Amino acid sequence: MALVVVGGHTRNIGKTSVVAGLIAALPEMRWTAFKITQFGHGMCSANGEPCDCETAEHTIAVSEERPGGDSSTDSGRYLAAGAVRSLWVRTRQGDLAEAMPRIRKELGRAENAVIESNSILRFLQPDLYLSVLDPGVADFKESARRYLDRADAVLVAEGELGRPEWKGVSLKLVAGTPVLAMRPPVYVTEEVVAFVAKRLRKSRNGE
């Protein structure tokens, strides 16, 4: 089984579009796709809505998208792009470890898997980790900072890092890392597809 992880330094920079683009571009992989969301600070891990009910039963919630469901959600977009299965995993901040037995079980059923998350890298060693970066957005999540030097490639609009707005994040973390261009609305270019396919082929062959 090939495992691809797609992360990024903040919200709304194209991570879900990259995952959906990979699924659509490589349908022969028969992807099982995972969206992992961690909630806290008054957000409910069961449904993502504001609440003050952080009780034990809210620690983990896993739902599977069904054909004909809401294609506007991130996990719905994965299914619409051609994923064989699409799951949304929600946990409270810091509780992802508790969801790992269920995630590993689902991975065991998958032919190949793609996961949208940074934090999953604490528990899994993927065949390929792609980090989506937007130099114009200053926010930089700690989980993205922690694993940035593990990225096999970074995806940046037009392939230019320039002078990022990030504070306290050194570009030395990605020195020598391939920089691949996204060209919205095309987030997964032929170059990205070729890179991913080549890396997964090498991984399968043990290179």
N, C-alpha and C. Protein backbone atom coordinates (compact mmCIF):
# COMPACT_ATOMS: atom_id res chain seq x y z
N MET A 1 0.82 -1.21 0.00
CA MET A 1 0.00 0.00 0.00
C MET A 1 0.86 1.25 0.00
N ALA A 2 0.53 2.21 -0.85
CA ALA A 2 1.21 3.50 -0.85
C ALA A 2 0.44 4.45 0.07
N LEU A 3 1.18 5.24 0.83
CA LEU A 3 0.58 6.22 1.72
C LEU A 3 1.15 7.60 1.42
N VAL A 4 0.26 8.53 1.06
CA VAL A 4 0.64 9.91 0.78
C VAL A 4 -0.01 10.80 1.83
N VAL A 5 0.76 11.72 2.38
CA VAL A 5 0.24 12.71 3.33
C VAL A 5 0.40 14.10 2.71
N VAL A 6 -0.66 14.88 2.78
CA VAL A 6 -0.65 16.26 2.30
C VAL A 6 -0.93 17.17 3.49
N GLY A 7 0.01 18.06 3.77
CA GLY A 7 -0.16 19.01 4.86
C GLY A 7 0.02 20.43 4.35
N GLY A 8 0.09 21.35 5.29
CA GLY A 8 0.26 22.75 4.93
C GLY A 8 0.28 23.59 6.18
N HIS A 9 0.66 24.86 6.02
CA HIS A 9 0.94 25.66 7.22
C HIS A 9 -0.27 26.38 7.79
N THR A 10 -1.40 26.40 7.09
CA THR A 10 -2.58 27.07 7.62
C THR A 10 -3.80 26.64 6.82
N ARG A 11 -4.94 27.25 7.11
CA ARG A 11 -6.18 26.90 6.43
C ARG A 11 -6.32 27.66 5.11
N ASN A 12 -7.15 27.09 4.25
CA ASN A 12 -7.57 27.78 3.02
C ASN A 12 -6.41 28.16 2.09
N ILE A 13 -5.46 27.23 1.94
CA ILE A 13 -4.34 27.50 1.02
C ILE A 13 -4.27 26.45 -0.08
N GLY A 14 -5.25 25.54 -0.13
CA GLY A 14 -5.30 24.60 -1.24
C GLY A 14 -5.00 23.15 -0.92
N LYS A 15 -4.89 22.80 0.37
CA LYS A 15 -4.56 21.41 0.73
C LYS A 15 -5.60 20.43 0.20
N THR A 16 -6.86 20.75 0.43
CA THR A 16 -7.93 19.84 -0.02
C THR A 16 -7.96 19.75 -1.54
N SER A 17 -7.69 20.86 -2.21
CA SER A 17 -7.66 20.85 -3.67
C SER A 17 -6.52 19.98 -4.19
N VAL A 18 -5.39 19.98 -3.47
CA VAL A 18 -4.28 19.11 -3.86
C VAL A 18 -4.66 17.65 -3.69
N VAL A 19 -5.27 17.31 -2.55
CA VAL A 19 -5.69 15.92 -2.33
C VAL A 19 -6.67 15.48 -3.41
N ALA A 20 -7.69 16.30 -3.65
CA ALA A 20 -8.69 15.96 -4.66
C ALA A 20 -8.05 15.85 -6.04
N GLY A 21 -7.10 16.72 -6.33
CA GLY A 21 -6.42 16.68 -7.62
C GLY A 21 -5.62 15.41 -7.82
N LEU A 22 -4.94 14.96 -6.75
CA LEU A 22 -4.18 13.71 -6.84
C LEU A 22 -5.11 12.52 -7.05
N ILE A 23 -6.22 12.52 -6.33
CA ILE A 23 -7.19 11.43 -6.48
C ILE A 23 -7.69 11.36 -7.91
N ALA A 24 -8.03 12.53 -8.47
CA ALA A 24 -8.57 12.57 -9.84
C ALA A 24 -7.51 12.20 -10.88
N ALA A 25 -6.26 12.59 -10.62
CA ALA A 25 -5.20 12.38 -11.61
C ALA A 25 -4.67 10.95 -11.61
N LEU A 26 -4.83 10.25 -10.48
CA LEU A 26 -4.29 8.89 -10.35
C LEU A 26 -5.39 7.92 -9.91
N PRO A 27 -6.45 7.78 -10.70
CA PRO A 27 -7.58 6.93 -10.30
C PRO A 27 -7.21 5.46 -10.16
N GLU A 28 -6.15 5.05 -10.87
CA GLU A 28 -5.74 3.64 -10.78
C GLU A 28 -5.25 3.26 -9.39
N MET A 29 -4.96 4.25 -8.55
CA MET A 29 -4.50 3.98 -7.19
C MET A 29 -5.64 3.56 -6.27
N ARG A 30 -6.86 3.80 -6.68
CA ARG A 30 -8.05 3.42 -5.88
C ARG A 30 -7.89 3.90 -4.42
N TRP A 31 -7.79 5.22 -4.29
CA TRP A 31 -7.47 5.85 -3.01
C TRP A 31 -8.57 5.69 -1.97
N THR A 32 -8.15 5.47 -0.74
CA THR A 32 -8.97 5.75 0.43
C THR A 32 -8.44 7.05 0.99
N ALA A 33 -9.31 8.04 1.14
CA ALA A 33 -8.88 9.38 1.54
C ALA A 33 -9.36 9.70 2.95
N PHE A 34 -8.51 10.40 3.69
CA PHE A 34 -8.82 10.78 5.06
C PHE A 34 -8.66 12.29 5.23
N LYS A 35 -9.63 12.91 5.84
CA LYS A 35 -9.52 14.29 6.30
C LYS A 35 -9.45 14.23 7.82
N ILE A 36 -8.38 14.77 8.41
CA ILE A 36 -8.23 14.75 9.86
C ILE A 36 -8.35 16.17 10.39
N THR A 37 -9.27 16.35 11.31
CA THR A 37 -9.52 17.67 11.90
C THR A 37 -9.41 17.54 13.41
N GLN A 38 -8.66 18.45 14.02
CA GLN A 38 -8.58 18.50 15.48
C GLN A 38 -9.24 19.78 15.97
N PHE A 39 -10.15 19.60 16.90
CA PHE A 39 -10.89 20.74 17.43
C PHE A 39 -10.54 21.01 18.87
N GLY A 40 -10.72 22.25 19.26
CA GLY A 40 -10.51 22.65 20.64
C GLY A 40 -11.02 24.05 20.83
N HIS A 41 -10.82 24.57 22.02
CA HIS A 41 -11.20 25.95 22.32
C HIS A 41 -12.69 26.18 22.05
N GLY A 42 -13.52 25.24 22.55
CA GLY A 42 -14.96 25.44 22.41
C GLY A 42 -15.55 24.92 21.13
N MET A 43 -14.77 24.22 20.32
CA MET A 43 -15.30 23.63 19.09
C MET A 43 -15.56 22.15 19.33
N CYS A 44 -16.69 21.65 18.84
CA CYS A 44 -17.11 20.29 19.08
C CYS A 44 -16.42 19.33 18.12
N SER A 45 -15.79 18.28 18.66
CA SER A 45 -15.10 17.33 17.79
C SER A 45 -16.07 16.38 17.09
N ALA A 46 -17.31 16.36 17.50
CA ALA A 46 -18.27 15.47 16.86
C ALA A 46 -18.80 16.05 15.56
N ASN A 47 -19.01 17.39 15.54
CA ASN A 47 -19.59 17.96 14.32
C ASN A 47 -18.93 19.25 13.87
N GLY A 48 -17.92 19.71 14.60
CA GLY A 48 -17.21 20.89 14.16
C GLY A 48 -17.89 22.21 14.47
N GLU A 49 -18.99 22.15 15.22
CA GLU A 49 -19.73 23.37 15.55
C GLU A 49 -19.29 23.90 16.91
N PRO A 50 -19.45 25.22 17.13
CA PRO A 50 -19.11 25.78 18.45
C PRO A 50 -19.96 25.13 19.53
N CYS A 51 -19.34 24.80 20.65
CA CYS A 51 -20.09 24.20 21.75
C CYS A 51 -19.28 24.32 23.03
N ASP A 52 -19.91 23.94 24.15
CA ASP A 52 -19.19 23.89 25.43
C ASP A 52 -19.42 22.52 26.06
N CYS A 53 -19.50 21.51 25.20
CA CYS A 53 -19.87 20.17 25.67
C CYS A 53 -18.76 19.16 25.42
N GLU A 54 -17.53 19.51 25.77
CA GLU A 54 -16.40 18.61 25.52
C GLU A 54 -16.44 17.46 26.52
N THR A 55 -17.27 16.48 26.22
CA THR A 55 -17.42 15.32 27.07
C THR A 55 -16.69 14.14 26.44
N ALA A 56 -16.63 13.02 27.15
CA ALA A 56 -15.84 11.88 26.70
C ALA A 56 -16.29 11.37 25.34
N GLU A 57 -17.62 11.39 25.10
CA GLU A 57 -18.10 10.84 23.83
C GLU A 57 -17.71 11.71 22.64
N HIS A 58 -17.20 12.90 22.89
CA HIS A 58 -16.77 13.77 21.80
C HIS A 58 -15.29 13.61 21.47
N THR A 59 -14.58 12.73 22.15
CA THR A 59 -13.14 12.63 21.97
C THR A 59 -12.78 12.28 20.53
N ILE A 60 -13.51 11.33 19.95
CA ILE A 60 -13.24 10.89 18.59
C ILE A 60 -14.55 10.76 17.83
N ALA A 61 -14.58 11.20 16.60
CA ALA A 61 -15.73 10.97 15.73
C ALA A 61 -15.20 10.67 14.34
N VAL A 62 -15.71 9.61 13.74
CA VAL A 62 -15.29 9.21 12.39
C VAL A 62 -16.54 8.99 11.55
N SER A 63 -16.60 9.63 10.42
CA SER A 63 -17.74 9.42 9.52
C SER A 63 -17.23 9.15 8.13
N GLU A 64 -17.98 8.31 7.41
CA GLU A 64 -17.62 7.97 6.03
C GLU A 64 -18.60 8.63 5.07
N GLU A 65 -18.07 9.27 4.06
CA GLU A 65 -18.91 9.88 3.04
C GLU A 65 -19.59 8.79 2.20
N ARG A 66 -20.82 9.07 1.80
CA ARG A 66 -21.58 8.15 0.97
C ARG A 66 -21.82 8.76 -0.40
N PRO A 67 -21.85 7.94 -1.44
CA PRO A 67 -22.15 8.46 -2.77
C PRO A 67 -23.46 9.25 -2.77
N GLY A 68 -23.44 10.38 -3.44
CA GLY A 68 -24.63 11.22 -3.47
C GLY A 68 -24.74 12.16 -2.30
N GLY A 69 -23.72 12.15 -1.42
CA GLY A 69 -23.73 13.03 -0.25
C GLY A 69 -23.30 14.44 -0.60
N ASP A 70 -22.99 15.22 0.42
CA ASP A 70 -22.62 16.62 0.25
C ASP A 70 -21.21 16.73 -0.33
N SER A 71 -21.11 17.12 -1.57
CA SER A 71 -19.80 17.22 -2.22
C SER A 71 -19.10 18.53 -1.94
N SER A 72 -19.70 19.39 -1.10
CA SER A 72 -19.06 20.66 -0.78
C SER A 72 -18.11 20.54 0.42
N THR A 73 -18.25 19.47 1.21
CA THR A 73 -17.33 19.27 2.32
C THR A 73 -16.00 18.75 1.79
N ASP A 74 -14.95 18.86 2.60
CA ASP A 74 -13.65 18.39 2.15
C ASP A 74 -13.68 16.90 1.83
N SER A 75 -14.21 16.10 2.75
CA SER A 75 -14.25 14.66 2.51
C SER A 75 -15.21 14.32 1.38
N GLY A 76 -16.26 15.13 1.20
CA GLY A 76 -17.16 14.94 0.07
C GLY A 76 -16.47 15.22 -1.25
N ARG A 77 -15.58 16.19 -1.25
CA ARG A 77 -14.82 16.50 -2.46
C ARG A 77 -13.90 15.35 -2.85
N TYR A 78 -13.34 14.68 -1.86
CA TYR A 78 -12.49 13.52 -2.15
C TYR A 78 -13.29 12.45 -2.88
N LEU A 79 -14.47 12.17 -2.37
CA LEU A 79 -15.30 11.13 -2.99
C LEU A 79 -15.70 11.55 -4.40
N ALA A 80 -16.08 12.82 -4.55
CA ALA A 80 -16.47 13.32 -5.87
C ALA A 80 -15.30 13.25 -6.85
N ALA A 81 -14.07 13.37 -6.35
CA ALA A 81 -12.88 13.33 -7.21
C ALA A 81 -12.55 11.91 -7.67
N GLY A 82 -13.15 10.92 -7.00
CA GLY A 82 -12.92 9.54 -7.43
C GLY A 82 -12.37 8.61 -6.38
N ALA A 83 -12.28 9.06 -5.12
CA ALA A 83 -11.81 8.17 -4.06
C ALA A 83 -12.75 6.98 -3.91
N VAL A 84 -12.19 5.82 -3.62
CA VAL A 84 -13.00 4.63 -3.37
C VAL A 84 -13.76 4.78 -2.07
N ARG A 85 -13.07 5.35 -1.06
CA ARG A 85 -13.70 5.64 0.22
C ARG A 85 -13.15 6.97 0.71
N SER A 86 -13.95 7.67 1.51
CA SER A 86 -13.53 8.95 2.06
C SER A 86 -14.03 9.06 3.49
N LEU A 87 -13.10 9.32 4.42
CA LEU A 87 -13.45 9.37 5.83
C LEU A 87 -13.02 10.70 6.44
N TRP A 88 -13.86 11.19 7.34
CA TRP A 88 -13.55 12.41 8.09
C TRP A 88 -13.34 12.01 9.55
N VAL A 89 -12.12 12.25 10.04
CA VAL A 89 -11.75 11.91 11.41
C VAL A 89 -11.64 13.19 12.21
N ARG A 90 -12.39 13.27 13.31
CA ARG A 90 -12.33 14.46 14.17
C ARG A 90 -11.92 14.07 15.57
N THR A 91 -10.97 14.79 16.13
CA THR A 91 -10.57 14.58 17.51
C THR A 91 -10.37 15.93 18.19
N ARG A 92 -10.35 15.90 19.50
CA ARG A 92 -9.97 17.11 20.21
C ARG A 92 -8.47 17.35 20.04
N GLN A 93 -8.07 18.60 20.18
CA GLN A 93 -6.65 18.94 20.09
C GLN A 93 -5.86 18.06 21.03
N GLY A 94 -4.82 17.43 20.49
CA GLY A 94 -3.95 16.61 21.31
C GLY A 94 -4.40 15.18 21.49
N ASP A 95 -5.58 14.83 20.96
CA ASP A 95 -6.12 13.48 21.17
C ASP A 95 -6.04 12.60 19.94
N LEU A 96 -5.23 12.97 18.95
CA LEU A 96 -5.17 12.18 17.73
C LEU A 96 -4.71 10.76 18.00
N ALA A 97 -3.86 10.56 19.02
CA ALA A 97 -3.39 9.21 19.35
C ALA A 97 -4.55 8.26 19.59
N GLU A 98 -5.63 8.78 20.18
CA GLU A 98 -6.77 7.93 20.49
C GLU A 98 -7.50 7.47 19.23
N ALA A 99 -7.34 8.21 18.16
CA ALA A 99 -7.99 7.83 16.90
C ALA A 99 -7.14 6.88 16.07
N MET A 100 -5.88 6.71 16.43
CA MET A 100 -4.98 5.93 15.59
C MET A 100 -5.38 4.46 15.41
N PRO A 101 -5.89 3.77 16.43
CA PRO A 101 -6.33 2.39 16.18
C PRO A 101 -7.37 2.31 15.07
N ARG A 102 -8.34 3.24 15.06
CA ARG A 102 -9.36 3.23 14.00
C ARG A 102 -8.73 3.59 12.65
N ILE A 103 -7.83 4.57 12.64
CA ILE A 103 -7.18 4.97 11.39
C ILE A 103 -6.36 3.82 10.83
N ARG A 104 -5.60 3.14 11.70
CA ARG A 104 -4.79 2.01 11.24
C ARG A 104 -5.67 0.88 10.71
N LYS A 105 -6.80 0.67 11.34
CA LYS A 105 -7.73 -0.35 10.87
C LYS A 105 -8.22 -0.03 9.46
N GLU A 106 -8.58 1.23 9.24
CA GLU A 106 -9.06 1.65 7.92
C GLU A 106 -7.94 1.59 6.88
N LEU A 107 -6.72 1.93 7.30
CA LEU A 107 -5.58 1.83 6.39
C LEU A 107 -5.34 0.38 5.97
N GLY A 108 -5.59 -0.53 6.90
CA GLY A 108 -5.42 -1.94 6.59
C GLY A 108 -6.39 -2.45 5.53
N ARG A 109 -7.49 -1.73 5.34
CA ARG A 109 -8.48 -2.10 4.34
C ARG A 109 -8.23 -1.42 2.99
N ALA A 110 -7.31 -0.47 2.98
CA ALA A 110 -7.11 0.38 1.80
C ALA A 110 -6.10 -0.22 0.82
N GLU A 111 -6.35 -0.01 -0.48
CA GLU A 111 -5.34 -0.36 -1.48
C GLU A 111 -4.22 0.67 -1.43
N ASN A 112 -4.59 1.94 -1.41
CA ASN A 112 -3.65 3.05 -1.25
C ASN A 112 -4.39 4.16 -0.52
N ALA A 113 -3.66 5.00 0.18
CA ALA A 113 -4.32 6.01 1.01
C ALA A 113 -3.66 7.37 0.88
N VAL A 114 -4.48 8.40 1.00
CA VAL A 114 -4.00 9.77 1.05
C VAL A 114 -4.66 10.44 2.24
N ILE A 115 -3.86 11.14 3.05
CA ILE A 115 -4.34 11.74 4.29
C ILE A 115 -4.03 13.23 4.28
N GLU A 116 -5.03 14.05 4.55
CA GLU A 116 -4.80 15.49 4.69
C GLU A 116 -4.58 15.80 6.17
N SER A 117 -3.35 16.05 6.53
CA SER A 117 -3.00 16.29 7.94
C SER A 117 -1.51 16.55 8.03
N ASN A 118 -1.09 17.34 9.01
CA ASN A 118 0.31 17.40 9.40
C ASN A 118 0.58 16.49 10.58
N SER A 119 -0.33 16.51 11.54
CA SER A 119 -0.11 15.83 12.83
C SER A 119 0.00 14.32 12.69
N ILE A 120 -0.56 13.76 11.61
CA ILE A 120 -0.50 12.31 11.44
C ILE A 120 0.94 11.83 11.31
N LEU A 121 1.86 12.74 10.95
CA LEU A 121 3.26 12.36 10.80
C LEU A 121 3.90 11.96 12.12
N ARG A 122 3.27 12.30 13.21
CA ARG A 122 3.75 11.85 14.52
C ARG A 122 3.60 10.33 14.66
N PHE A 123 2.66 9.77 13.92
CA PHE A 123 2.32 8.35 14.10
C PHE A 123 2.62 7.47 12.89
N LEU A 124 2.72 8.06 11.72
CA LEU A 124 2.90 7.28 10.50
C LEU A 124 4.08 7.81 9.69
N GLN A 125 4.73 6.91 8.98
CA GLN A 125 5.81 7.28 8.07
C GLN A 125 5.29 7.07 6.65
N PRO A 126 4.88 8.13 5.98
CA PRO A 126 4.30 7.96 4.64
C PRO A 126 5.37 7.71 3.59
N ASP A 127 4.93 7.23 2.45
CA ASP A 127 5.84 7.10 1.32
C ASP A 127 6.16 8.46 0.72
N LEU A 128 5.26 9.42 0.93
CA LEU A 128 5.44 10.75 0.36
C LEU A 128 4.69 11.76 1.21
N TYR A 129 5.38 12.85 1.56
CA TYR A 129 4.75 13.95 2.30
C TYR A 129 4.90 15.23 1.49
N LEU A 130 3.77 15.81 1.13
CA LEU A 130 3.74 17.08 0.39
C LEU A 130 3.25 18.17 1.32
N SER A 131 3.95 19.29 1.35
CA SER A 131 3.54 20.42 2.17
C SER A 131 3.13 21.59 1.28
N VAL A 132 1.89 22.06 1.47
CA VAL A 132 1.36 23.17 0.69
C VAL A 132 1.68 24.47 1.43
N LEU A 133 2.31 25.41 0.74
CA LEU A 133 2.74 26.66 1.37
C LEU A 133 2.22 27.87 0.60
N ASP A 134 1.83 28.88 1.34
CA ASP A 134 1.45 30.16 0.74
C ASP A 134 2.31 31.24 1.38
N PRO A 135 3.33 31.73 0.70
CA PRO A 135 4.24 32.72 1.29
C PRO A 135 3.55 34.01 1.70
N GLY A 136 2.37 34.28 1.17
CA GLY A 136 1.67 35.52 1.48
C GLY A 136 0.82 35.47 2.74
N VAL A 137 0.73 34.29 3.36
CA VAL A 137 -0.09 34.13 4.58
C VAL A 137 0.84 33.91 5.76
N ALA A 138 0.77 34.79 6.75
CA ALA A 138 1.73 34.76 7.86
C ALA A 138 1.50 33.61 8.82
N ASP A 139 0.25 33.20 9.02
CA ASP A 139 -0.04 32.16 10.00
C ASP A 139 0.71 30.87 9.66
N PHE A 140 1.34 30.25 10.66
CA PHE A 140 2.09 29.02 10.43
C PHE A 140 1.87 28.10 11.62
N LYS A 141 1.07 27.06 11.42
CA LYS A 141 0.73 26.15 12.51
C LYS A 141 1.97 25.43 13.02
N GLU A 142 1.98 25.17 14.31
CA GLU A 142 3.12 24.49 14.92
C GLU A 142 3.32 23.10 14.33
N SER A 143 2.22 22.39 14.02
CA SER A 143 2.36 21.06 13.45
C SER A 143 3.05 21.11 12.10
N ALA A 144 2.79 22.15 11.32
CA ALA A 144 3.44 22.29 10.01
C ALA A 144 4.91 22.64 10.18
N ARG A 145 5.20 23.49 11.14
CA ARG A 145 6.60 23.87 11.41
C ARG A 145 7.42 22.65 11.85
N ARG A 146 6.80 21.83 12.71
CA ARG A 146 7.51 20.68 13.27
C ARG A 146 7.95 19.69 12.20
N TYR A 147 7.14 19.53 11.16
CA TYR A 147 7.42 18.49 10.17
C TYR A 147 7.86 19.03 8.81
N LEU A 148 8.08 20.32 8.71
CA LEU A 148 8.41 20.90 7.41
C LEU A 148 9.66 20.30 6.80
N ASP A 149 10.65 20.00 7.63
CA ASP A 149 11.89 19.45 7.09
C ASP A 149 11.75 18.01 6.61
N ARG A 150 10.58 17.40 6.85
CA ARG A 150 10.33 16.04 6.36
C ARG A 150 9.63 16.04 5.00
N ALA A 151 9.29 17.21 4.51
CA ALA A 151 8.56 17.28 3.23
C ALA A 151 9.43 16.76 2.09
N ASP A 152 8.81 15.91 1.26
CA ASP A 152 9.49 15.43 0.06
C ASP A 152 9.41 16.46 -1.05
N ALA A 153 8.42 17.34 -0.97
CA ALA A 153 8.28 18.47 -1.89
C ALA A 153 7.36 19.48 -1.27
N VAL A 154 7.54 20.74 -1.64
CA VAL A 154 6.60 21.78 -1.22
C VAL A 154 5.88 22.28 -2.46
N LEU A 155 4.59 22.55 -2.29
CA LEU A 155 3.76 23.03 -3.39
C LEU A 155 3.42 24.50 -3.13
N VAL A 156 3.77 25.35 -4.06
CA VAL A 156 3.62 26.79 -3.91
C VAL A 156 3.00 27.36 -5.19
N ALA A 157 2.11 28.32 -5.03
CA ALA A 157 1.52 28.95 -6.21
C ALA A 157 2.62 29.49 -7.11
N GLU A 158 2.59 29.08 -8.36
CA GLU A 158 3.57 29.48 -9.38
C GLU A 158 4.99 29.03 -9.06
N GLY A 159 5.17 28.21 -8.02
CA GLY A 159 6.49 27.67 -7.73
C GLY A 159 7.49 28.65 -7.18
N GLU A 160 7.02 29.77 -6.62
CA GLU A 160 7.92 30.82 -6.12
C GLU A 160 7.72 31.04 -4.63
N LEU A 161 8.75 30.77 -3.83
CA LEU A 161 8.66 31.04 -2.39
C LEU A 161 8.88 32.52 -2.09
N GLY A 162 9.76 33.16 -2.83
CA GLY A 162 10.00 34.59 -2.64
C GLY A 162 10.46 34.91 -1.23
N ARG A 163 9.86 35.97 -0.66
CA ARG A 163 10.16 36.38 0.71
C ARG A 163 8.90 36.18 1.54
N PRO A 164 8.75 35.02 2.18
CA PRO A 164 7.51 34.70 2.89
C PRO A 164 7.21 35.64 4.04
N GLU A 165 5.93 35.74 4.36
CA GLU A 165 5.46 36.56 5.47
C GLU A 165 5.64 35.86 6.83
N TRP A 166 6.07 34.61 6.82
CA TRP A 166 6.14 33.83 8.05
C TRP A 166 7.17 34.41 9.01
N LYS A 167 6.82 34.42 10.28
CA LYS A 167 7.73 34.89 11.33
C LYS A 167 8.32 33.68 12.06
N GLY A 168 9.63 33.67 12.17
CA GLY A 168 10.29 32.62 12.93
C GLY A 168 10.35 31.28 12.22
N VAL A 169 10.15 31.26 10.92
CA VAL A 169 10.23 30.02 10.14
C VAL A 169 11.38 30.16 9.14
N SER A 170 12.38 29.33 9.29
CA SER A 170 13.56 29.43 8.42
C SER A 170 13.36 28.62 7.15
N LEU A 171 13.72 29.23 6.02
CA LEU A 171 13.66 28.50 4.75
C LEU A 171 14.73 27.41 4.68
N LYS A 172 15.64 27.39 5.64
CA LYS A 172 16.61 26.31 5.68
C LYS A 172 15.93 24.96 5.89
N LEU A 173 14.73 24.98 6.46
CA LEU A 173 13.98 23.74 6.68
C LEU A 173 13.61 23.06 5.37
N VAL A 174 13.55 23.83 4.29
CA VAL A 174 13.19 23.24 2.99
C VAL A 174 14.33 23.41 1.98
N ALA A 175 15.52 23.68 2.47
CA ALA A 175 16.67 23.81 1.58
C ALA A 175 16.89 22.50 0.84
N GLY A 176 16.95 22.56 -0.47
CA GLY A 176 17.15 21.36 -1.27
C GLY A 176 15.89 20.56 -1.55
N THR A 177 14.77 20.98 -0.97
CA THR A 177 13.50 20.28 -1.20
C THR A 177 12.89 20.76 -2.52
N PRO A 178 12.43 19.85 -3.36
CA PRO A 178 11.80 20.28 -4.62
C PRO A 178 10.63 21.22 -4.37
N VAL A 179 10.57 22.29 -5.15
CA VAL A 179 9.46 23.24 -5.09
C VAL A 179 8.63 23.07 -6.37
N LEU A 180 7.39 22.63 -6.19
CA LEU A 180 6.51 22.36 -7.33
C LEU A 180 5.43 23.42 -7.41
N ALA A 181 5.09 23.79 -8.62
CA ALA A 181 4.14 24.89 -8.82
C ALA A 181 2.70 24.39 -8.79
N MET A 182 1.87 25.14 -8.07
CA MET A 182 0.42 25.04 -8.20
C MET A 182 -0.02 26.22 -9.05
N ARG A 183 -1.00 26.01 -9.90
CA ARG A 183 -1.49 27.10 -10.73
C ARG A 183 -3.01 27.15 -10.64
N PRO A 184 -3.51 27.62 -9.47
CA PRO A 184 -4.96 27.66 -9.26
C PRO A 184 -5.68 28.30 -10.44
N PRO A 185 -6.80 27.71 -10.87
CA PRO A 185 -7.55 26.64 -10.19
C PRO A 185 -6.99 25.24 -10.40
N VAL A 186 -5.87 25.09 -11.09
CA VAL A 186 -5.25 23.77 -11.23
C VAL A 186 -4.19 23.64 -10.14
N TYR A 187 -4.53 22.89 -9.09
CA TYR A 187 -3.61 22.75 -7.96
C TYR A 187 -2.63 21.60 -8.18
N VAL A 188 -3.03 20.63 -9.00
CA VAL A 188 -2.16 19.48 -9.27
C VAL A 188 -1.82 19.49 -10.76
N THR A 189 -0.65 19.99 -11.06
CA THR A 189 -0.21 20.10 -12.45
C THR A 189 0.36 18.76 -12.92
N GLU A 190 0.64 18.67 -14.21
CA GLU A 190 1.27 17.46 -14.75
C GLU A 190 2.61 17.21 -14.06
N GLU A 191 3.32 18.28 -13.72
CA GLU A 191 4.60 18.14 -13.04
C GLU A 191 4.42 17.48 -11.68
N VAL A 192 3.39 17.90 -10.94
CA VAL A 192 3.13 17.33 -9.62
C VAL A 192 2.75 15.85 -9.75
N VAL A 193 1.88 15.55 -10.71
CA VAL A 193 1.45 14.16 -10.91
C VAL A 193 2.65 13.28 -11.24
N ALA A 194 3.51 13.76 -12.13
CA ALA A 194 4.70 12.99 -12.51
C ALA A 194 5.62 12.77 -11.33
N PHE A 195 5.79 13.80 -10.49
CA PHE A 195 6.65 13.70 -9.32
C PHE A 195 6.10 12.65 -8.35
N VAL A 196 4.80 12.73 -8.08
CA VAL A 196 4.18 11.79 -7.15
C VAL A 196 4.26 10.36 -7.68
N ALA A 197 3.93 10.17 -8.94
CA ALA A 197 3.95 8.83 -9.53
C ALA A 197 5.36 8.24 -9.48
N LYS A 198 6.36 9.06 -9.78
CA LYS A 198 7.74 8.59 -9.77
C LYS A 198 8.19 8.19 -8.36
N ARG A 199 7.85 9.02 -7.38
CA ARG A 199 8.25 8.72 -6.00
C ARG A 199 7.57 7.47 -5.47
N LEU A 200 6.31 7.30 -5.81
CA LEU A 200 5.59 6.10 -5.35
C LEU A 200 6.11 4.85 -6.05
N ARG A 201 6.49 5.00 -7.31
CA ARG A 201 7.06 3.87 -8.02
C ARG A 201 8.39 3.45 -7.39
N LYS A 202 9.22 4.42 -7.04
CA LYS A 202 10.48 4.13 -6.37
C LYS A 202 10.26 3.47 -5.02
N SER A 203 9.24 3.96 -4.31
CA SER A 203 8.94 3.38 -3.00
C SER A 203 8.50 1.92 -3.13
N ARG A 204 7.68 1.64 -4.13
CA ARG A 204 7.24 0.26 -4.37
C ARG A 204 8.41 -0.66 -4.71
N ASN A 205 9.37 -0.11 -5.43
CA ASN A 205 10.52 -0.90 -5.85
C ASN A 205 11.64 -0.94 -4.81
N GLY A 206 11.39 -0.27 -3.69
CA GLY A 206 12.37 -0.28 -2.61
C GLY A 206 13.61 0.52 -2.89
N GLU A 207 13.50 1.51 -3.77
CA GLU A 207 14.66 2.34 -4.11
C GLU A 207 14.87 3.44 -3.08
